[in-house]
N, C-alpha and C. Protein backbone atom coordinates (compact mmCIF):
# COMPACT_ATOMS: atom_id res chain seq x y z
N MET A 1 38.60 -15.51 -3.96
CA MET A 1 37.50 -14.59 -3.79
C MET A 1 37.48 -14.11 -2.34
N PRO A 2 37.35 -12.81 -2.12
CA PRO A 2 37.27 -12.31 -0.75
C PRO A 2 35.96 -12.74 -0.10
N VAL A 3 35.99 -12.85 1.23
CA VAL A 3 34.79 -13.25 1.96
C VAL A 3 33.72 -12.17 1.87
N ARG A 4 34.12 -10.94 2.06
CA ARG A 4 33.16 -9.84 2.04
C ARG A 4 32.88 -9.41 0.59
N LEU A 5 31.66 -9.00 0.37
CA LEU A 5 31.27 -8.48 -0.93
C LEU A 5 31.65 -7.01 -0.96
N ASP A 6 32.56 -6.63 -1.85
CA ASP A 6 33.06 -5.25 -1.82
C ASP A 6 32.85 -4.51 -3.14
N LYS A 7 31.87 -4.92 -3.89
CA LYS A 7 31.56 -4.23 -5.14
C LYS A 7 30.92 -2.87 -4.81
N PRO A 8 30.94 -1.95 -5.77
CA PRO A 8 30.32 -0.64 -5.52
C PRO A 8 28.79 -0.77 -5.40
N TRP A 9 28.22 0.15 -4.65
CA TRP A 9 26.76 0.19 -4.49
C TRP A 9 26.12 0.74 -5.76
N ILE A 10 24.94 0.22 -6.07
CA ILE A 10 24.16 0.64 -7.23
C ILE A 10 22.80 1.11 -6.72
N PRO A 11 22.28 2.23 -7.23
CA PRO A 11 20.96 2.67 -6.76
C PRO A 11 19.89 1.59 -7.00
N LEU A 12 19.03 1.40 -6.02
CA LEU A 12 17.95 0.43 -6.11
C LEU A 12 16.80 1.07 -6.87
N THR A 13 16.91 1.03 -8.20
CA THR A 13 15.91 1.63 -9.08
C THR A 13 15.52 0.63 -10.16
N PRO A 14 14.34 0.79 -10.74
CA PRO A 14 13.93 -0.13 -11.81
C PRO A 14 14.92 -0.15 -12.98
N GLU A 15 15.49 0.99 -13.31
CA GLU A 15 16.44 1.07 -14.43
C GLU A 15 17.68 0.21 -14.20
N HIS A 16 18.16 0.19 -12.98
CA HIS A 16 19.35 -0.60 -12.68
C HIS A 16 19.02 -2.09 -12.53
N ILE A 17 17.87 -2.37 -11.95
CA ILE A 17 17.48 -3.77 -11.74
C ILE A 17 17.17 -4.47 -13.06
N GLU A 18 16.54 -3.77 -13.99
CA GLU A 18 16.18 -4.42 -15.25
C GLU A 18 17.39 -4.84 -16.07
N GLN A 19 18.55 -4.32 -15.76
CA GLN A 19 19.78 -4.70 -16.44
C GLN A 19 20.36 -6.01 -15.91
N LEU A 20 19.86 -6.47 -14.77
CA LEU A 20 20.40 -7.68 -14.14
C LEU A 20 19.92 -8.93 -14.86
N PRO A 21 20.77 -9.94 -14.88
CA PRO A 21 20.34 -11.22 -15.47
C PRO A 21 19.44 -11.98 -14.51
N GLY A 22 18.85 -13.02 -14.99
CA GLY A 22 18.02 -13.89 -14.16
C GLY A 22 18.83 -14.98 -13.48
N HIS A 23 20.10 -14.73 -13.26
CA HIS A 23 20.99 -15.73 -12.67
C HIS A 23 20.78 -15.87 -11.17
N LEU A 24 21.26 -17.00 -10.63
CA LEU A 24 21.25 -17.24 -9.20
C LEU A 24 22.40 -16.46 -8.56
N GLY A 25 22.23 -16.10 -7.30
CA GLY A 25 23.31 -15.39 -6.63
C GLY A 25 22.90 -14.82 -5.29
N VAL A 26 23.73 -13.92 -4.80
CA VAL A 26 23.51 -13.26 -3.52
C VAL A 26 23.49 -11.76 -3.73
N TYR A 27 22.92 -11.06 -2.77
CA TYR A 27 22.89 -9.60 -2.87
C TYR A 27 22.87 -8.99 -1.47
N GLN A 28 23.29 -7.75 -1.42
CA GLN A 28 23.21 -6.97 -0.20
C GLN A 28 22.45 -5.70 -0.52
N LEU A 29 21.65 -5.26 0.45
CA LEU A 29 20.93 -4.00 0.35
C LEU A 29 21.48 -3.06 1.41
N ALA A 30 21.56 -1.78 1.07
CA ALA A 30 22.08 -0.80 2.03
C ALA A 30 21.18 0.42 2.05
N ASP A 31 21.29 1.17 3.15
CA ASP A 31 20.56 2.43 3.24
C ASP A 31 21.37 3.52 2.54
N ALA A 32 20.89 4.74 2.59
CA ALA A 32 21.55 5.85 1.89
C ALA A 32 22.97 6.10 2.37
N ALA A 33 23.26 5.74 3.62
CA ALA A 33 24.60 5.94 4.19
C ALA A 33 25.56 4.81 3.82
N GLY A 34 25.08 3.77 3.15
CA GLY A 34 25.93 2.65 2.78
C GLY A 34 26.02 1.57 3.84
N GLU A 35 25.16 1.63 4.86
CA GLU A 35 25.12 0.59 5.90
C GLU A 35 24.29 -0.58 5.38
N ILE A 36 24.86 -1.77 5.43
CA ILE A 36 24.14 -2.96 4.98
C ILE A 36 22.96 -3.19 5.90
N VAL A 37 21.77 -3.28 5.30
CA VAL A 37 20.55 -3.48 6.08
C VAL A 37 19.91 -4.85 5.81
N TYR A 38 20.36 -5.53 4.75
CA TYR A 38 19.79 -6.83 4.42
C TYR A 38 20.75 -7.59 3.52
N ILE A 39 20.87 -8.89 3.77
CA ILE A 39 21.64 -9.79 2.91
C ILE A 39 20.66 -10.86 2.44
N GLY A 40 20.60 -11.05 1.14
CA GLY A 40 19.65 -12.01 0.59
C GLY A 40 20.27 -12.89 -0.48
N MET A 41 19.46 -13.83 -0.95
CA MET A 41 19.92 -14.71 -2.02
C MET A 41 18.79 -14.94 -3.01
N ALA A 42 19.17 -15.17 -4.23
CA ALA A 42 18.24 -15.56 -5.29
C ALA A 42 18.61 -17.00 -5.61
N GLY A 43 17.83 -17.92 -5.06
CA GLY A 43 18.15 -19.33 -5.20
C GLY A 43 17.35 -20.01 -6.28
N GLY A 44 17.41 -21.33 -6.26
CA GLY A 44 16.75 -22.14 -7.26
C GLY A 44 15.25 -21.97 -7.32
N ARG A 45 14.65 -21.51 -6.26
CA ARG A 45 13.20 -21.30 -6.23
C ARG A 45 12.82 -19.84 -6.49
N SER A 46 13.80 -19.00 -6.73
CA SER A 46 13.55 -17.58 -6.98
C SER A 46 13.10 -17.38 -8.42
N LEU A 47 11.99 -16.74 -8.59
CA LEU A 47 11.48 -16.44 -9.91
C LEU A 47 12.32 -15.32 -10.53
N PHE A 48 12.96 -15.58 -11.65
CA PHE A 48 13.80 -14.63 -12.38
C PHE A 48 15.09 -14.27 -11.66
N GLY A 49 15.57 -15.12 -10.76
CA GLY A 49 16.88 -14.96 -10.14
C GLY A 49 17.09 -13.62 -9.46
N LEU A 50 18.28 -13.06 -9.64
CA LEU A 50 18.63 -11.79 -9.01
C LEU A 50 17.69 -10.68 -9.45
N ASN A 51 17.31 -10.68 -10.70
CA ASN A 51 16.40 -9.67 -11.21
C ASN A 51 15.09 -9.70 -10.42
N GLY A 52 14.52 -10.88 -10.25
CA GLY A 52 13.26 -11.00 -9.53
C GLY A 52 13.38 -10.68 -8.05
N ALA A 53 14.46 -11.13 -7.42
CA ALA A 53 14.66 -10.87 -5.99
C ALA A 53 14.82 -9.38 -5.72
N LEU A 54 15.57 -8.70 -6.57
CA LEU A 54 15.77 -7.27 -6.35
C LEU A 54 14.56 -6.45 -6.76
N THR A 55 13.78 -6.93 -7.71
CA THR A 55 12.52 -6.27 -8.03
C THR A 55 11.58 -6.34 -6.83
N ALA A 56 11.53 -7.50 -6.17
CA ALA A 56 10.72 -7.64 -4.95
C ALA A 56 11.22 -6.70 -3.86
N ALA A 57 12.53 -6.56 -3.73
CA ALA A 57 13.10 -5.65 -2.73
C ALA A 57 12.77 -4.20 -3.06
N LEU A 58 12.71 -3.88 -4.33
CA LEU A 58 12.35 -2.52 -4.74
C LEU A 58 10.89 -2.23 -4.38
N ASP A 59 10.03 -3.23 -4.55
CA ASP A 59 8.61 -3.05 -4.26
C ASP A 59 8.34 -2.91 -2.76
N ALA A 60 9.15 -3.54 -1.94
CA ALA A 60 9.01 -3.46 -0.47
C ALA A 60 10.40 -3.47 0.15
N PRO A 61 11.11 -2.33 0.07
CA PRO A 61 12.50 -2.30 0.53
C PRO A 61 12.63 -2.55 2.04
N PRO A 62 13.40 -3.57 2.40
CA PRO A 62 13.62 -3.82 3.83
C PRO A 62 14.49 -2.74 4.45
N ALA A 63 14.09 -2.28 5.62
CA ALA A 63 14.89 -1.34 6.42
C ALA A 63 15.36 -0.13 5.62
N SER A 64 14.48 0.43 4.82
CA SER A 64 14.77 1.65 4.06
C SER A 64 15.94 1.51 3.09
N ALA A 65 16.09 0.36 2.49
CA ALA A 65 17.18 0.13 1.53
C ALA A 65 17.00 1.03 0.31
N THR A 66 18.11 1.59 -0.14
CA THR A 66 18.09 2.47 -1.32
C THR A 66 19.12 2.07 -2.36
N GLN A 67 19.97 1.09 -2.04
CA GLN A 67 21.02 0.68 -2.97
C GLN A 67 21.34 -0.80 -2.77
N PHE A 68 21.99 -1.38 -3.78
CA PHE A 68 22.29 -2.81 -3.74
C PHE A 68 23.62 -3.10 -4.40
N ARG A 69 24.11 -4.31 -4.15
CA ARG A 69 25.22 -4.89 -4.90
C ARG A 69 24.97 -6.39 -4.90
N CYS A 70 25.46 -7.07 -5.93
CA CYS A 70 25.15 -8.49 -6.04
C CYS A 70 26.32 -9.25 -6.65
N GLU A 71 26.21 -10.56 -6.55
CA GLU A 71 27.24 -11.46 -7.06
C GLU A 71 26.53 -12.70 -7.61
N VAL A 72 26.82 -13.02 -8.85
CA VAL A 72 26.28 -14.23 -9.46
C VAL A 72 27.11 -15.42 -8.98
N THR A 73 26.41 -16.45 -8.47
CA THR A 73 27.10 -17.65 -8.01
C THR A 73 26.12 -18.82 -7.95
N MET A 74 26.57 -19.97 -8.39
CA MET A 74 25.75 -21.17 -8.28
C MET A 74 25.75 -21.68 -6.84
N ALA A 75 26.74 -21.30 -6.06
CA ALA A 75 26.82 -21.70 -4.65
C ALA A 75 26.15 -20.62 -3.78
N TYR A 76 24.96 -20.19 -4.19
CA TYR A 76 24.28 -19.06 -3.56
C TYR A 76 23.99 -19.30 -2.07
N HIS A 77 23.61 -20.50 -1.69
CA HIS A 77 23.28 -20.73 -0.28
C HIS A 77 24.52 -20.65 0.61
N THR A 78 25.59 -21.28 0.18
CA THR A 78 26.84 -21.23 0.94
C THR A 78 27.36 -19.80 1.02
N ARG A 79 27.30 -19.08 -0.10
CA ARG A 79 27.78 -17.70 -0.14
C ARG A 79 26.91 -16.79 0.72
N TYR A 80 25.60 -17.03 0.72
CA TYR A 80 24.68 -16.28 1.56
C TYR A 80 25.05 -16.43 3.04
N LEU A 81 25.26 -17.67 3.47
CA LEU A 81 25.64 -17.92 4.86
C LEU A 81 26.99 -17.28 5.18
N GLU A 82 27.91 -17.35 4.24
CA GLU A 82 29.24 -16.75 4.43
C GLU A 82 29.13 -15.23 4.61
N LEU A 83 28.30 -14.57 3.82
CA LEU A 83 28.12 -13.12 3.96
C LEU A 83 27.48 -12.76 5.29
N LEU A 84 26.50 -13.56 5.72
CA LEU A 84 25.89 -13.32 7.03
C LEU A 84 26.91 -13.51 8.15
N GLN A 85 27.74 -14.55 8.06
CA GLN A 85 28.77 -14.80 9.07
C GLN A 85 29.76 -13.64 9.12
N ALA A 86 30.19 -13.17 7.97
CA ALA A 86 31.16 -12.07 7.92
C ALA A 86 30.58 -10.81 8.53
N TYR A 87 29.32 -10.53 8.22
CA TYR A 87 28.67 -9.34 8.79
C TYR A 87 28.59 -9.46 10.31
N ARG A 88 28.16 -10.63 10.79
CA ARG A 88 28.06 -10.84 12.23
C ARG A 88 29.43 -10.72 12.90
N TYR A 89 30.46 -11.23 12.25
CA TYR A 89 31.82 -11.14 12.78
C TYR A 89 32.23 -9.66 12.91
N ASP A 90 31.93 -8.87 11.89
CA ASP A 90 32.33 -7.46 11.87
C ASP A 90 31.52 -6.59 12.82
N HIS A 91 30.23 -6.91 13.00
CA HIS A 91 29.32 -6.01 13.73
C HIS A 91 28.75 -6.60 15.03
N GLY A 92 28.98 -7.87 15.27
CA GLY A 92 28.46 -8.49 16.48
C GLY A 92 26.97 -8.80 16.42
N ARG A 93 26.38 -8.64 15.27
CA ARG A 93 24.95 -8.87 15.07
C ARG A 93 24.69 -9.04 13.58
N LEU A 94 23.48 -9.42 13.23
CA LEU A 94 23.10 -9.51 11.82
C LEU A 94 22.51 -8.18 11.36
N PRO A 95 22.41 -7.97 10.05
CA PRO A 95 21.77 -6.74 9.56
C PRO A 95 20.33 -6.63 10.06
N VAL A 96 19.82 -5.42 10.21
CA VAL A 96 18.49 -5.21 10.77
C VAL A 96 17.40 -5.91 9.97
N GLY A 97 17.59 -6.10 8.70
CA GLY A 97 16.59 -6.77 7.87
C GLY A 97 16.65 -8.28 7.90
N ASN A 98 17.64 -8.83 8.59
CA ASN A 98 17.81 -10.29 8.66
C ASN A 98 17.49 -10.85 10.04
N ILE A 99 16.59 -10.22 10.76
CA ILE A 99 16.30 -10.67 12.13
C ILE A 99 15.65 -12.05 12.17
N GLU A 100 15.08 -12.51 11.05
CA GLU A 100 14.43 -13.82 11.02
C GLU A 100 15.41 -14.97 10.90
N VAL A 101 16.68 -14.69 10.64
CA VAL A 101 17.68 -15.73 10.44
C VAL A 101 18.02 -16.39 11.77
N ASP A 102 18.03 -17.71 11.78
CA ASP A 102 18.41 -18.49 12.95
C ASP A 102 19.94 -18.50 13.02
N GLU A 103 20.49 -17.71 13.92
CA GLU A 103 21.95 -17.57 14.00
C GLU A 103 22.66 -18.87 14.37
N SER A 104 21.96 -19.81 14.96
CA SER A 104 22.61 -21.08 15.29
C SER A 104 22.99 -21.85 14.03
N ARG A 105 22.37 -21.55 12.90
CA ARG A 105 22.70 -22.21 11.63
C ARG A 105 23.97 -21.63 10.98
N LEU A 106 24.42 -20.51 11.50
CA LEU A 106 25.57 -19.84 10.88
C LEU A 106 26.90 -20.43 11.30
N GLY A 107 26.97 -21.02 12.47
CA GLY A 107 28.25 -21.54 12.92
C GLY A 107 29.20 -20.39 13.23
N HIS A 108 30.48 -20.69 13.16
CA HIS A 108 31.49 -19.69 13.50
C HIS A 108 32.42 -19.50 12.31
N LEU A 109 32.76 -18.28 12.07
CA LEU A 109 33.66 -17.94 10.99
C LEU A 109 34.90 -17.29 11.58
N HIS A 110 36.04 -17.74 11.21
CA HIS A 110 37.29 -17.21 11.72
C HIS A 110 37.94 -16.38 10.60
N LEU A 111 37.82 -15.06 10.72
CA LEU A 111 38.31 -14.19 9.66
C LEU A 111 39.63 -13.52 9.99
N GLY A 112 39.98 -13.45 11.23
CA GLY A 112 41.24 -12.87 11.68
C GLY A 112 41.90 -11.85 10.89
């Protein structure tokens, strides 16, 4: 599996979200230009999994998010940290919607 999530973007709309399962996983939100603005996870405490997490994002989109992509995984926390690390490696910072993340918990990722 590649480190970066490279699935196509899907419009952040009720019609697209209602098709999602209630599974655990990770997701990315992007603005209209396709710039990742938030990386999130639907973990064991998430009500309705990815469906619920993205419904919440639709109700209050972080950083003007208009589209999403997601990945179902039981290792959601590890994958979430991996996606944050990869983004930081590529951009030298975290997405604008993830400013609350303690970067010291991310460690170092060697992607070369």
